Structures are given as structure tokens and as C-alpha cells.
Amino acid sequence: MDRAIYTALGAANAALNRQAITANNLANASTTGFRAQLMAYRAVPVNGPSVPTRTLVTESTPYNDTTMGAVHQTDRDLDVALPKDGWLAVQLPDGGEGYTRDGNIEVDSEGMLRVRGLPLLGDGGPLSVPPQSKITIGPDGTLTALGAGDEPKSLAQVGRVKMVNASAEALHMEDDGLFHVNGNGAPLPLDPDLRLMPGMLESSNVSPVKTMVDMIATARSFEMHMKIISTVDDNEKSANQLLTLG
């Protein structure tokens, strides 16, 4: 069989993977703090008795767009935005740590602070506050609570949000939508110098228009490679017919 089929098949498979990443980005265009995932490929020359111009493709190291999304004001006490390389730490179901830029913090019925349904970590473990209390977060991550009916002077510090500093190269995003330390390394330490922005949220850095254009371009690329496979297959059939006649 002509090796062009394998060459085109590899490119078509790469286009499918790229389309899946692009569709996921588009689905998260309105997700708070989402970092668009990028897909990269590199050419691999085909060595051996083949046409020298033919190359296969293979996935390169996937990474995420580090561009910050737009930061908008919400005036909600539990909304926070982080600097470029800042991350909030959350506790995973297995007890490990995951990292997110989603600053939309919620308080459940038991007073546990959560982000995306996962416990928000502080400098001493998962953070919790007295039920029905008014919560405020300072720029340094200090968490204070005022109980219902208490005097303002009763304001008490209940913990500090764990913020870590990590470049995009040190983390990778998994299927849970959270970022994890490369190589399952040790949890990152709290960075006391980081400052967050209370009452603000960072939107997704995905551009819906650009992502739609990428989806159309990828779909056309896939169709082109499938057409190549079909053309090569037709040529093989014609060659077999000539051999039969001979």
C-alpha cells in the first residue's frame, strides 16, 4: 500500500485531536479564570525507501496560553482575582493539591470554603468559617469573619488563603480542569508576597471568534487529508485493475 495513506492518516488524526482541544476551549469561553489549552505538532521525516518530501506528524508538548483574561469588578466579598503567575490551592478528592485561577469562592452549609466544589486550602489546611457569618478577604489573602449579630469590633481572623506562585511551565492541566505540578511533584509552598484583588474576577482568556476560526480551519484540514486518503485508495484500485488485465 502507498505510504501516502499513512502520512495522511497521521495528519488527519492530529486534526481530530486539535479539534477536540479547540472545542473544549470554546466550551470554556465563559469559565472564570480558564486558560486556553494549545496543541502543538512537529514534523517527523520518514526515513527509508519513500519520497523524501513526506513527513509524519506527532504531538509536541501541550501547554496553555498564559495570557491573562480580562479582570472585571463584581464587588462580591468572596470574589478574588490573582496576578499573572498566582494560583489558588484546592484539595483534591485523594487528598492532594490542585491549582486554579478561578476566584469565585463559595461557602457551603457547613461553613467550608469551596472553589468549583472543592475545599479551598489555607496556610493550615481547608478553610472554614462560622455559618451565616460575613466574610471578607484582604489583598494578602487574610480571611476575616463577622458573626451574624456581632459588633464590628468582634471581627476575627479565621485563616489565610493559600496562594502559590508558579509559571505555566511548572504546571499542566488535567481532565478535571485543574492544574497539577509536573511529574506529580510536591505541593507548592505558600507565597507570602502575592497579592490578590478582592471583589474582582478574571474571565477566560479564550477568544470565541478566533476559536471558531480555528475550528473551521481544522475541519477543512481534516477533510483535505481524508480526500488524499480517498485519492490514493482510488489509485491503488486502478493499479490493481491494470495488474489483473496484465
C-alpha atoms as a PDB file:
ATOM      1  CA  MET A   1       0.000   0.000   0.000  1.00  0.00           C
ATOM      2  CA  ASP A   2       1.195   3.522  -0.787  1.00  0.00           C
ATOM      3  CA  ARG A   3       2.788   5.125   2.235  1.00  0.00           C
ATOM      4  CA  ALA A   4       0.892   8.338   1.471  1.00  0.00           C
ATOM      5  CA  ILE A   5      -2.115   6.796   3.205  1.00  0.00           C
ATOM      6  CA  TYR A   6      -0.211   6.522   6.482  1.00  0.00           C
ATOM      7  CA  THR A   7       1.119  10.052   6.084  1.00  0.00           C
ATOM      8  CA  ALA A   8      -2.357  11.478   5.514  1.00  0.00           C
ATOM      9  CA  LEU A   9      -3.835   9.309   8.265  1.00  0.00           C
ATOM     10  CA  GLY A  10      -1.374  10.705  10.805  1.00  0.00           C
ATOM     11  CA  ALA A  11      -2.251  14.265   9.793  1.00  0.00           C
ATOM     12  CA  ALA A  12      -5.988  13.525   9.968  1.00  0.00           C
ATOM     13  CA  ASN A  13      -5.606  12.063  13.454  1.00  0.00           C
ATOM     14  CA  ALA A  14      -3.691  15.179  14.534  1.00  0.00           C
ATOM     15  CA  ALA A  15      -6.509  17.347  13.164  1.00  0.00           C
ATOM     16  CA  LEU A  16      -9.054  15.373  15.201  1.00  0.00           C
ATOM     17  CA  ASN A  17      -7.047  15.887  18.386  1.00  0.00           C
ATOM     18  CA  ARG A  18      -6.672  19.575  17.629  1.00  0.00           C
ATOM     19  CA  GLN A  19     -10.407  19.886  17.030  1.00  0.00           C
ATOM     20  CA  ALA A  20     -11.144  18.295  20.414  1.00  0.00           C
ATOM     21  CA  ILE A  21      -8.874  20.809  22.175  1.00  0.00           C
ATOM     22  CA  THR A  22     -10.410  23.716  20.258  1.00  0.00           C
ATOM     23  CA  ALA A  23     -13.948  22.589  21.091  1.00  0.00           C
ATOM     24  CA  ASN A  24     -13.053  22.337  24.778  1.00  0.00           C
ATOM     25  CA  ASN A  25     -11.642  25.867  24.709  1.00  0.00           C
ATOM     26  CA  LEU A  26     -14.797  27.190  23.084  1.00  0.00           C
ATOM     27  CA  ALA A  27     -16.950  25.450  25.689  1.00  0.00           C
ATOM     28  CA  ASN A  28     -14.971  27.251  28.415  1.00  0.00           C
ATOM     29  CA  ALA A  29     -15.081  30.714  26.851  1.00  0.00           C
ATOM     30  CA  SER A  30     -17.165  31.923  29.806  1.00  0.00           C
ATOM     31  CA  THR A  31     -15.423  29.890  32.548  1.00  0.00           C
ATOM     32  CA  THR A  32     -13.848  32.091  35.215  1.00  0.00           C
ATOM     33  CA  GLY A  33     -10.041  32.047  35.151  1.00  0.00           C
ATOM     34  CA  PHE A  34      -9.824  29.475  32.336  1.00  0.00           C
ATOM     35  CA  ARG A  35      -6.530  29.270  30.458  1.00  0.00           C
ATOM     36  CA  ALA A  36      -6.903  28.164  26.839  1.00  0.00           C
ATOM     37  CA  GLN A  37      -5.163  24.889  26.049  1.00  0.00           C
ATOM     38  CA  LEU A  38      -2.909  24.864  22.999  1.00  0.00           C
ATOM     39  CA  MET A  39      -1.975  21.907  20.827  1.00  0.00           C
ATOM     40  CA  ALA A  40       1.380  21.780  19.065  1.00  0.00           C
ATOM     41  CA  TYR A  41       2.763  19.359  16.477  1.00  0.00           C
ATOM     42  CA  ARG A  42       6.127  18.765  14.889  1.00  0.00           C
ATOM     43  CA  ALA A  43       7.140  17.127  11.633  1.00  0.00           C
ATOM     44  CA  VAL A  44       8.896  13.755  11.683  1.00  0.00           C
ATOM     45  CA  PRO A  45      10.721  12.861   8.444  1.00  0.00           C
ATOM     46  CA  VAL A  46      10.051   9.406   7.028  1.00  0.00           C
ATOM     47  CA  ASN A  47      13.350   7.563   6.652  1.00  0.00           C
ATOM     48  CA  GLY A  48      13.627   4.727   4.191  1.00  0.00           C
ATOM     49  CA  PRO A  49      12.533   3.884   0.625  1.00  0.00           C
ATOM     50  CA  SER A  50       9.969   6.654   0.297  1.00  0.00           C
ATOM     51  CA  VAL A  51       9.566  10.102  -1.200  1.00  0.00           C
ATOM     52  CA  PRO A  52      11.890  12.446   0.764  1.00  0.00           C
ATOM     53  CA  THR A  53       9.233  15.156   0.952  1.00  0.00           C
ATOM     54  CA  ARG A  54       6.857  13.009   3.009  1.00  0.00           C
ATOM     55  CA  THR A  55       6.739  13.605   6.746  1.00  0.00           C
ATOM     56  CA  LEU A  56       4.600  12.323   9.586  1.00  0.00           C
ATOM     57  CA  VAL A  57       3.311  14.471  12.434  1.00  0.00           C
ATOM     58  CA  THR A  58       3.480  13.846  16.149  1.00  0.00           C
ATOM     59  CA  GLU A  59       2.136  15.742  19.127  1.00  0.00           C
ATOM     60  CA  SER A  60       4.574  18.047  20.833  1.00  0.00           C
ATOM     61  CA  THR A  61       4.415  19.081  24.486  1.00  0.00           C
ATOM     62  CA  PRO A  62       0.928  20.512  25.086  1.00  0.00           C
ATOM     63  CA  TYR A  63       0.716  23.704  27.058  1.00  0.00           C
ATOM     64  CA  ASN A  64      -1.677  26.537  27.903  1.00  0.00           C
ATOM     65  CA  ASP A  65      -1.995  30.137  26.856  1.00  0.00           C
ATOM     66  CA  THR A  66      -0.546  32.202  29.720  1.00  0.00           C
ATOM     67  CA  THR A  67      -2.233  35.428  28.644  1.00  0.00           C
ATOM     68  CA  MET A  68      -4.401  36.854  31.409  1.00  0.00           C
ATOM     69  CA  GLY A  69      -8.108  37.185  30.784  1.00  0.00           C
ATOM     70  CA  ALA A  70      -9.958  40.442  31.342  1.00  0.00           C
ATOM     71  CA  VAL A  71     -10.415  41.342  35.010  1.00  0.00           C
ATOM     72  CA  HIS A  72     -13.806  42.808  35.877  1.00  0.00           C
ATOM     73  CA  GLN A  73     -15.237  44.137  39.099  1.00  0.00           C
ATOM     74  CA  THR A  74     -18.016  42.232  40.869  1.00  0.00           C
ATOM     75  CA  ASP A  75     -17.991  43.884  44.333  1.00  0.00           C
ATOM     76  CA  ARG A  76     -18.660  40.451  45.846  1.00  0.00           C
ATOM     77  CA  ASP A  77     -16.697  39.847  49.054  1.00  0.00           C
ATOM     78  CA  LEU A  78     -15.682  36.305  48.104  1.00  0.00           C
ATOM     79  CA  ASP A  79     -14.617  37.024  44.525  1.00  0.00           C
ATOM     80  CA  VAL A  80     -10.864  37.376  44.004  1.00  0.00           C
ATOM     81  CA  ALA A  81      -8.559  37.829  41.030  1.00  0.00           C
ATOM     82  CA  LEU A  82      -4.884  36.861  41.051  1.00  0.00           C
ATOM     83  CA  PRO A  83      -1.711  38.202  39.433  1.00  0.00           C
ATOM     84  CA  LYS A  84      -0.323  36.530  36.307  1.00  0.00           C
ATOM     85  CA  ASP A  85       1.528  33.618  37.937  1.00  0.00           C
ATOM     86  CA  GLY A  86      -0.670  33.363  41.039  1.00  0.00           C
ATOM     87  CA  TRP A  87      -2.851  30.332  41.805  1.00  0.00           C
ATOM     88  CA  LEU A  88      -5.342  29.280  44.457  1.00  0.00           C
ATOM     89  CA  ALA A  89      -4.799  25.856  46.022  1.00  0.00           C
ATOM     90  CA  VAL A  90      -7.700  23.417  46.403  1.00  0.00           C
ATOM     91  CA  GLN A  91      -7.840  19.978  47.979  1.00  0.00           C
ATOM     92  CA  LEU A  92      -8.396  17.064  45.593  1.00  0.00           C
ATOM     93  CA  PRO A  93     -10.626  14.087  46.475  1.00  0.00           C
ATOM     94  CA  ASP A  94      -7.492  11.966  47.002  1.00  0.00           C
ATOM     95  CA  GLY A  95      -6.062  14.492  49.480  1.00  0.00           C
ATOM     96  CA  GLY A  96      -3.606  16.063  47.045  1.00  0.00           C
ATOM     97  CA  GLU A  97      -3.460  19.633  45.824  1.00  0.00           C
ATOM     98  CA  GLY A  98      -4.725  21.169  42.623  1.00  0.00           C
ATOM     99  CA  TYR A  99      -4.380  24.747  41.438  1.00  0.00           C
ATOM    100  CA  THR A 100      -6.826  27.097  39.781  1.00  0.00           C
ATOM    101  CA  ARG A 101      -7.249  30.740  38.853  1.00  0.00           C
ATOM    102  CA  ASP A 102     -10.993  30.575  39.393  1.00  0.00           C
ATOM    103  CA  GLY A 103     -11.552  33.078  42.188  1.00  0.00           C
ATOM    104  CA  ASN A 104     -15.302  32.516  42.575  1.00  0.00           C
ATOM    105  CA  ILE A 105     -15.292  31.263  46.187  1.00  0.00           C
ATOM    106  CA  GLU A 106     -18.450  29.802  47.740  1.00  0.00           C
ATOM    107  CA  VAL A 107     -19.387  28.874  51.314  1.00  0.00           C
ATOM    108  CA  ASP A 108     -21.343  25.645  51.819  1.00  0.00           C
ATOM    109  CA  SER A 109     -23.935  24.943  54.518  1.00  0.00           C
ATOM    110  CA  GLU A 110     -21.233  23.794  56.951  1.00  0.00           C
ATOM    111  CA  GLY A 111     -19.100  26.914  56.548  1.00  0.00           C
ATOM    112  CA  MET A 112     -16.489  25.244  54.333  1.00  0.00           C
ATOM    113  CA  LEU A 113     -14.989  27.488  51.640  1.00  0.00           C
ATOM    114  CA  ARG A 114     -15.033  25.863  48.216  1.00  0.00           C
ATOM    115  CA  VAL A 115     -13.940  26.592  44.667  1.00  0.00           C
ATOM    116  CA  ARG A 116     -15.594  24.533  41.936  1.00  0.00           C
ATOM    117  CA  GLY A 117     -16.949  22.253  44.666  1.00  0.00           C
ATOM    118  CA  LEU A 118     -13.504  21.511  46.129  1.00  0.00           C
ATOM    119  CA  PRO A 119     -12.253  22.701  49.547  1.00  0.00           C
ATOM    120  CA  LEU A 120     -10.186  25.881  49.363  1.00  0.00           C
ATOM    121  CA  LEU A 121      -6.869  25.470  51.135  1.00  0.00           C
ATOM    122  CA  GLY A 122      -5.328  27.913  53.590  1.00  0.00           C
ATOM    123  CA  ASP A 123      -1.947  28.018  55.275  1.00  0.00           C
ATOM    124  CA  GLY A 124      -3.109  25.297  57.682  1.00  0.00           C
ATOM    125  CA  GLY A 125      -5.423  23.144  55.583  1.00  0.00           C
ATOM    126  CA  PRO A 126      -9.002  23.510  54.281  1.00  0.00           C
ATOM    127  CA  LEU A 127     -10.610  26.813  55.256  1.00  0.00           C
ATOM    128  CA  SER A 128     -13.901  27.039  57.133  1.00  0.00           C
ATOM    129  CA  VAL A 129     -15.819  29.900  58.737  1.00  0.00           C
ATOM    130  CA  PRO A 130     -18.695  30.142  61.225  1.00  0.00           C
ATOM    131  CA  PRO A 131     -22.032  29.563  59.454  1.00  0.00           C
ATOM    132  CA  GLN A 132     -24.007  32.684  58.475  1.00  0.00           C
ATOM    133  CA  SER A 133     -21.022  34.952  59.112  1.00  0.00           C
ATOM    134  CA  LYS A 134     -19.931  37.833  56.881  1.00  0.00           C
ATOM    135  CA  ILE A 135     -16.648  37.003  55.201  1.00  0.00           C
ATOM    136  CA  THR A 136     -14.039  39.373  53.817  1.00  0.00           C
ATOM    137  CA  ILE A 137     -10.717  38.623  52.141  1.00  0.00           C
ATOM    138  CA  GLY A 138      -7.784  41.032  52.287  1.00  0.00           C
ATOM    139  CA  PRO A 139      -5.268  41.610  49.467  1.00  0.00           C
ATOM    140  CA  ASP A 140      -2.767  39.376  51.282  1.00  0.00           C
ATOM    141  CA  GLY A 141      -5.304  36.548  51.473  1.00  0.00           C
ATOM    142  CA  THR A 142      -6.229  37.134  55.120  1.00  0.00           C
ATOM    143  CA  LEU A 143      -9.705  35.763  55.818  1.00  0.00           C
ATOM    144  CA  THR A 144     -11.835  37.526  58.426  1.00  0.00           C
ATOM    145  CA  ALA A 145     -15.324  36.693  59.668  1.00  0.00           C
ATOM    146  CA  LEU A 146     -18.010  38.643  61.472  1.00  0.00           C
ATOM    147  CA  GLY A 147     -20.714  36.524  63.062  1.00  0.00           C
ATOM    148  CA  ALA A 148     -24.378  37.292  62.497  1.00  0.00           C
ATOM    149  CA  GLY A 149     -25.482  39.932  65.047  1.00  0.00           C
ATOM    150  CA  ASP A 150     -21.939  40.566  66.327  1.00  0.00           C
ATOM    151  CA  GLU A 151     -20.467  44.013  66.834  1.00  0.00           C
ATOM    152  CA  PRO A 152     -17.946  45.205  64.217  1.00  0.00           C
ATOM    153  CA  LYS A 153     -15.209  45.012  66.856  1.00  0.00           C
ATOM    154  CA  SER A 154     -15.821  41.245  67.008  1.00  0.00           C
ATOM    155  CA  LEU A 155     -14.248  40.838  63.577  1.00  0.00           C
ATOM    156  CA  ALA A 156     -11.848  37.888  63.828  1.00  0.00           C
ATOM    157  CA  GLN A 157      -9.188  36.436  61.544  1.00  0.00           C
ATOM    158  CA  VAL A 158     -10.002  32.822  60.692  1.00  0.00           C
ATOM    159  CA  GLY A 159      -7.182  31.943  58.321  1.00  0.00           C
ATOM    160  CA  ARG A 160      -5.276  32.894  55.218  1.00  0.00           C
ATOM    161  CA  VAL A 161      -5.929  31.748  51.677  1.00  0.00           C
ATOM    162  CA  LYS A 162      -3.054  29.722  50.276  1.00  0.00           C
ATOM    163  CA  MET A 163      -1.718  31.426  47.164  1.00  0.00           C
ATOM    164  CA  VAL A 164       1.170  29.908  45.237  1.00  0.00           C
ATOM    165  CA  ASN A 165       3.446  31.322  42.575  1.00  0.00           C
ATOM    166  CA  ALA A 166       4.157  29.049  39.602  1.00  0.00           C
ATOM    167  CA  SER A 167       4.934  29.590  35.946  1.00  0.00           C
ATOM    168  CA  ALA A 168       2.890  27.811  33.301  1.00  0.00           C
ATOM    169  CA  GLU A 169       5.858  25.548  32.505  1.00  0.00           C
ATOM    170  CA  ALA A 170       5.791  24.121  36.042  1.00  0.00           C
ATOM    171  CA  LEU A 171       2.141  23.028  35.827  1.00  0.00           C
ATOM    172  CA  HIS A 172      -0.059  21.057  33.486  1.00  0.00           C
ATOM    173  CA  MET A 173      -3.826  20.895  33.144  1.00  0.00           C
ATOM    174  CA  GLU A 174      -5.586  17.551  33.529  1.00  0.00           C
ATOM    175  CA  ASP A 175      -9.091  16.330  32.684  1.00  0.00           C
ATOM    176  CA  ASP A 176     -10.514  17.727  35.933  1.00  0.00           C
ATOM    177  CA  GLY A 177      -9.834  21.244  34.647  1.00  0.00           C
ATOM    178  CA  LEU A 178      -7.304  21.913  37.411  1.00  0.00           C
ATOM    179  CA  PHE A 179      -3.579  22.449  37.120  1.00  0.00           C
ATOM    180  CA  HIS A 180      -1.155  19.991  38.721  1.00  0.00           C
ATOM    181  CA  VAL A 181       2.570  20.046  39.411  1.00  0.00           C
ATOM    182  CA  ASN A 182       4.561  18.409  36.625  1.00  0.00           C
ATOM    183  CA  GLY A 183       5.728  14.912  37.421  1.00  0.00           C
ATOM    184  CA  ASN A 184       3.398  14.609  40.441  1.00  0.00           C
ATOM    185  CA  GLY A 185       5.845  16.697  42.443  1.00  0.00           C
ATOM    186  CA  ALA A 186       5.430  18.003  45.974  1.00  0.00           C
ATOM    187  CA  PRO A 187       2.749  20.606  46.687  1.00  0.00           C
ATOM    188  CA  LEU A 188       3.847  24.181  46.050  1.00  0.00           C
ATOM    189  CA  PRO A 189       4.565  26.399  49.087  1.00  0.00           C
ATOM    190  CA  LEU A 190       2.539  29.455  50.017  1.00  0.00           C
ATOM    191  CA  ASP A 191       3.970  32.674  48.608  1.00  0.00           C
ATOM    192  CA  PRO A 192       3.511  35.435  51.216  1.00  0.00           C
ATOM    193  CA  ASP A 193       4.388  38.168  48.699  1.00  0.00           C
ATOM    194  CA  LEU A 194       1.457  37.515  46.356  1.00  0.00           C
ATOM    195  CA  ARG A 195      -1.403  39.995  46.407  1.00  0.00           C
ATOM    196  CA  LEU A 196      -4.876  39.254  45.125  1.00  0.00           C
ATOM    197  CA  MET A 197      -7.631  41.658  44.079  1.00  0.00           C
ATOM    198  CA  PRO A 198     -10.769  41.286  46.225  1.00  0.00           C
ATOM    199  CA  GLY A 199     -14.148  41.928  44.634  1.00  0.00           C
ATOM    200  CA  MET A 200     -12.888  41.102  41.138  1.00  0.00           C
ATOM    201  CA  LEU A 201     -12.832  38.098  38.816  1.00  0.00           C
ATOM    202  CA  GLU A 202     -10.660  37.136  35.867  1.00  0.00           C
ATOM    203  CA  SER A 203     -12.596  35.937  32.850  1.00  0.00           C
ATOM    204  CA  SER A 204     -11.474  33.228  30.438  1.00  0.00           C
ATOM    205  CA  ASN A 205      -8.673  34.173  28.044  1.00  0.00           C
ATOM    206  CA  VAL A 206     -10.372  32.291  25.189  1.00  0.00           C
ATOM    207  CA  SER A 207     -11.356  34.414  22.194  1.00  0.00           C
ATOM    208  CA  PRO A 208     -14.637  32.925  20.852  1.00  0.00           C
ATOM    209  CA  VAL A 209     -14.113  34.461  17.385  1.00  0.00           C
ATOM    210  CA  LYS A 210     -10.550  33.194  16.998  1.00  0.00           C
ATOM    211  CA  THR A 211     -11.539  29.779  18.349  1.00  0.00           C
ATOM    212  CA  MET A 212     -14.379  29.459  15.847  1.00  0.00           C
ATOM    213  CA  VAL A 213     -11.976  30.330  13.011  1.00  0.00           C
ATOM    214  CA  ASP A 214      -9.566  27.668  14.296  1.00  0.00           C
ATOM    215  CA  MET A 215     -12.373  25.090  14.336  1.00  0.00           C
ATOM    216  CA  ILE A 216     -13.285  25.839  10.717  1.00  0.00           C
ATOM    217  CA  ALA A 217      -9.637  25.698   9.607  1.00  0.00           C
ATOM    218  CA  THR A 218      -9.081  22.399  11.425  1.00  0.00           C
ATOM    219  CA  ALA A 219     -12.231  20.884   9.898  1.00  0.00           C
ATOM    220  CA  ARG A 220     -11.045  21.844   6.421  1.00  0.00           C
ATOM    221  CA  SER A 221      -7.626  20.375   7.116  1.00  0.00           C
ATOM    222  CA  PHE A 222      -9.221  17.091   8.182  1.00  0.00           C
ATOM    223  CA  GLU A 223     -11.348  16.992   5.017  1.00  0.00           C
ATOM    224  CA  MET A 224      -8.262  17.618   2.861  1.00  0.00           C
ATOM    225  CA  HIS A 225      -6.372  14.713   4.414  1.00  0.00           C
ATOM    226  CA  MET A 226      -9.362  12.398   4.068  1.00  0.00           C
ATOM    227  CA  LYS A 227      -9.568  13.379   0.407  1.00  0.00           C
ATOM    228  CA  ILE A 228      -5.892  12.429  -0.002  1.00  0.00           C
ATOM    229  CA  ILE A 229      -6.603   9.007   1.523  1.00  0.00           C
ATOM    230  CA  SER A 230      -9.552   8.536  -0.835  1.00  0.00           C
ATOM    231  CA  THR A 231      -7.490   9.585  -3.861  1.00  0.00           C
ATOM    232  CA  VAL A 232      -4.630   7.217  -3.007  1.00  0.00           C
ATOM    233  CA  ASP A 233      -7.118   4.401  -2.461  1.00  0.00           C
ATOM    234  CA  ASP A 234      -8.650   5.034  -5.902  1.00  0.00           C
ATOM    235  CA  ASN A 235      -5.188   4.986  -7.468  1.00  0.00           C
ATOM    236  CA  GLU A 236      -4.440   1.648  -5.793  1.00  0.00           C
ATOM    237  CA  LYS A 237      -7.683   0.198  -7.121  1.00  0.00           C
ATOM    238  CA  SER A 238      -6.864   1.376 -10.632  1.00  0.00           C
ATOM    239  CA  ALA A 239      -3.378  -0.133 -10.369  1.00  0.00           C
ATOM    240  CA  ASN A 240      -4.820  -3.462  -9.233  1.00  0.00           C
ATOM    241  CA  GLN A 241      -7.182  -3.497 -12.212  1.00  0.00           C
ATOM    242  CA  LEU A 242      -4.270  -2.929 -14.600  1.00  0.00           C
ATOM    243  CA  LEU A 243      -2.335  -5.779 -12.977  1.00  0.00           C
ATOM    244  CA  THR A 244      -5.365  -8.026 -13.327  1.00  0.00           C
ATOM    245  CA  LEU A 245      -5.639  -7.248 -17.035  1.00  0.00           C
ATOM    246  CA  GLY A 246      -1.944  -7.993 -17.472  1.00  0.00           C
END
